[in-house]
Amino acid sequence: MSIFNDVYTSVVVALSQTATPTPSPMPGFDGNADLVTPTWVGFLMTFLVAAATLLLVLDMTKRIRRTRYRGEIQEKLAAEAAEASQTQATQTKAAETGATQATAEGDAETPKPL
């Protein structure tokens, strides 16, 4: 373990003795770099990008909501159509059963000629 500690210590000492690089000044600029600001043009560009992003987010939210509502309405319409067809099938079956029973009862009640 002492070998790793020695290596670690020598690396830390070597790194701490190297000179820290300083940023080079902007090429072709003779003024004070700390006094330069983006002015109103930078503010305007930042504002326009933020406004465009906000409008895109609002439009995307509207489109997602519209798609979700369309899906919900289609599910409701499909459920209503299935219920209506089931009701119609039940009524048709009941009508057929009732007609068959009425025919059977009518035959039983009607006197047969001798």
Protein backbone atom coordinates (compact mmCIF):
# COMPACT_ATOMS: atom_id res chain seq x y z
CA MET A 1 0.00 0.00 0.00
CA SER A 2 2.85 2.38 0.62
CA ILE A 3 3.84 2.17 -3.07
CA PHE A 4 0.40 3.51 -4.07
CA ASN A 5 0.60 6.25 -1.46
CA ASP A 6 4.05 7.26 -2.70
CA VAL A 7 2.87 7.37 -6.32
CA TYR A 8 -0.24 9.31 -5.35
CA THR A 9 1.80 11.80 -3.35
CA SER A 10 4.32 12.32 -6.15
CA VAL A 11 1.51 12.90 -8.69
CA VAL A 12 -0.23 15.41 -6.42
CA VAL A 13 3.04 17.27 -5.81
CA ALA A 14 3.85 17.30 -9.54
CA LEU A 15 0.42 18.65 -10.44
CA SER A 16 0.49 21.32 -7.77
CA GLN A 17 3.87 22.64 -9.01
CA THR A 18 2.75 23.12 -12.62
CA ALA A 19 1.78 26.63 -13.55
CA THR A 20 -1.91 27.23 -14.00
CA PRO A 21 -2.66 28.43 -17.51
CA THR A 22 -4.05 31.90 -17.87
CA PRO A 23 -6.52 32.69 -20.62
CA SER A 24 -5.08 34.56 -23.52
CA PRO A 25 -6.65 37.89 -24.37
CA MET A 26 -8.94 38.10 -27.36
CA PRO A 27 -6.94 38.46 -30.57
CA GLY A 28 -7.42 41.79 -32.28
CA PHE A 29 -9.03 43.46 -29.25
CA ASP A 30 -7.15 46.29 -27.56
CA GLY A 31 -9.73 47.26 -24.90
CA ASN A 32 -10.52 45.85 -21.48
CA ALA A 33 -12.19 42.44 -21.97
CA ASP A 34 -13.98 42.74 -18.61
CA LEU A 35 -15.91 45.81 -19.77
CA VAL A 36 -17.37 44.25 -22.91
CA THR A 37 -21.08 43.44 -22.70
CA PRO A 38 -23.48 42.05 -25.31
CA THR A 39 -25.55 45.29 -25.24
CA TRP A 40 -29.17 45.43 -26.35
CA VAL A 41 -28.49 43.19 -29.38
CA GLY A 42 -27.51 40.27 -27.15
CA PHE A 43 -30.53 40.89 -24.93
CA LEU A 44 -32.83 41.03 -27.96
CA MET A 45 -31.47 37.80 -29.43
CA THR A 46 -31.78 36.00 -26.09
CA PHE A 47 -35.32 37.32 -25.65
CA LEU A 48 -36.34 36.19 -29.15
CA VAL A 49 -34.95 32.69 -28.61
CA ALA A 50 -36.77 32.43 -25.26
CA ALA A 51 -40.04 33.71 -26.77
CA ALA A 52 -39.80 31.28 -29.71
CA THR A 53 -39.14 28.40 -27.30
CA LEU A 54 -42.15 29.37 -25.18
CA LEU A 55 -44.41 29.55 -28.23
CA LEU A 56 -43.22 26.16 -29.46
CA VAL A 57 -43.87 24.59 -26.05
CA LEU A 58 -47.38 26.06 -25.92
CA ASP A 59 -48.15 24.84 -29.46
CA MET A 60 -46.84 21.35 -28.66
CA THR A 61 -48.97 21.21 -25.50
CA LYS A 62 -52.06 22.22 -27.49
CA ARG A 63 -51.44 19.56 -30.13
CA ILE A 64 -50.85 16.82 -27.55
CA ARG A 65 -54.04 17.78 -25.72
CA ARG A 66 -56.03 17.78 -28.97
CA THR A 67 -54.72 14.33 -29.89
CA ARG A 68 -55.60 12.96 -26.45
CA TYR A 69 -59.14 14.38 -26.64
CA ARG A 70 -59.66 12.89 -30.11
CA GLY A 71 -58.60 9.48 -28.80
CA GLU A 72 -61.00 9.75 -25.86
CA ILE A 73 -63.89 10.73 -28.15
CA GLN A 74 -63.14 7.86 -30.53
CA GLU A 75 -63.15 5.41 -27.61
CA LYS A 76 -66.52 6.78 -26.42
CA LEU A 77 -68.01 6.54 -29.91
CA ALA A 78 -66.74 2.99 -30.32
CA ALA A 79 -68.22 2.02 -26.94
CA GLU A 80 -71.57 3.62 -27.85
CA ALA A 81 -71.61 1.86 -31.23
CA ALA A 82 -70.84 -1.49 -29.58
CA GLU A 83 -73.58 -0.92 -27.01
CA ALA A 84 -76.07 0.09 -29.72
CA SER A 85 -75.28 -2.96 -31.84
CA GLN A 86 -75.56 -5.20 -28.77
CA THR A 87 -78.92 -3.61 -27.88
CA GLN A 88 -80.13 -4.04 -31.46
CA ALA A 89 -79.01 -7.67 -31.51
CA THR A 90 -80.81 -8.30 -28.22
CA GLN A 91 -84.00 -6.64 -29.50
CA THR A 92 -83.84 -8.59 -32.76
CA LYS A 93 -83.33 -11.85 -30.90
CA ALA A 94 -86.19 -11.02 -28.54
CA ALA A 95 -88.44 -10.14 -31.46
CA GLU A 96 -87.61 -13.41 -33.21
CA THR A 97 -88.16 -15.38 -30.01
CA GLY A 98 -91.43 -13.52 -29.39
CA ALA A 99 -92.62 -14.18 -32.94
CA THR A 100 -91.79 -17.85 -32.62
CA GLN A 101 -93.61 -18.08 -29.29
CA ALA A 102 -96.58 -16.16 -30.67
CA THR A 103 -96.73 -18.47 -33.65
CA ALA A 104 -96.54 -21.53 -31.40
CA GLU A 105 -99.18 -20.12 -29.08
CA GLY A 106 -101.34 -19.06 -32.01
CA ASP A 107 -101.19 -22.56 -33.43
CA ALA A 108 -102.15 -24.04 -30.10
CA GLU A 109 -105.06 -21.68 -29.55
CA THR A 110 -106.43 -21.79 -33.04
CA PRO A 111 -108.93 -24.60 -33.44
CA LYS A 112 -108.09 -26.94 -36.20
CA PRO A 113 -110.83 -27.69 -38.71
CA LEU A 114 -112.37 -31.12 -38.50
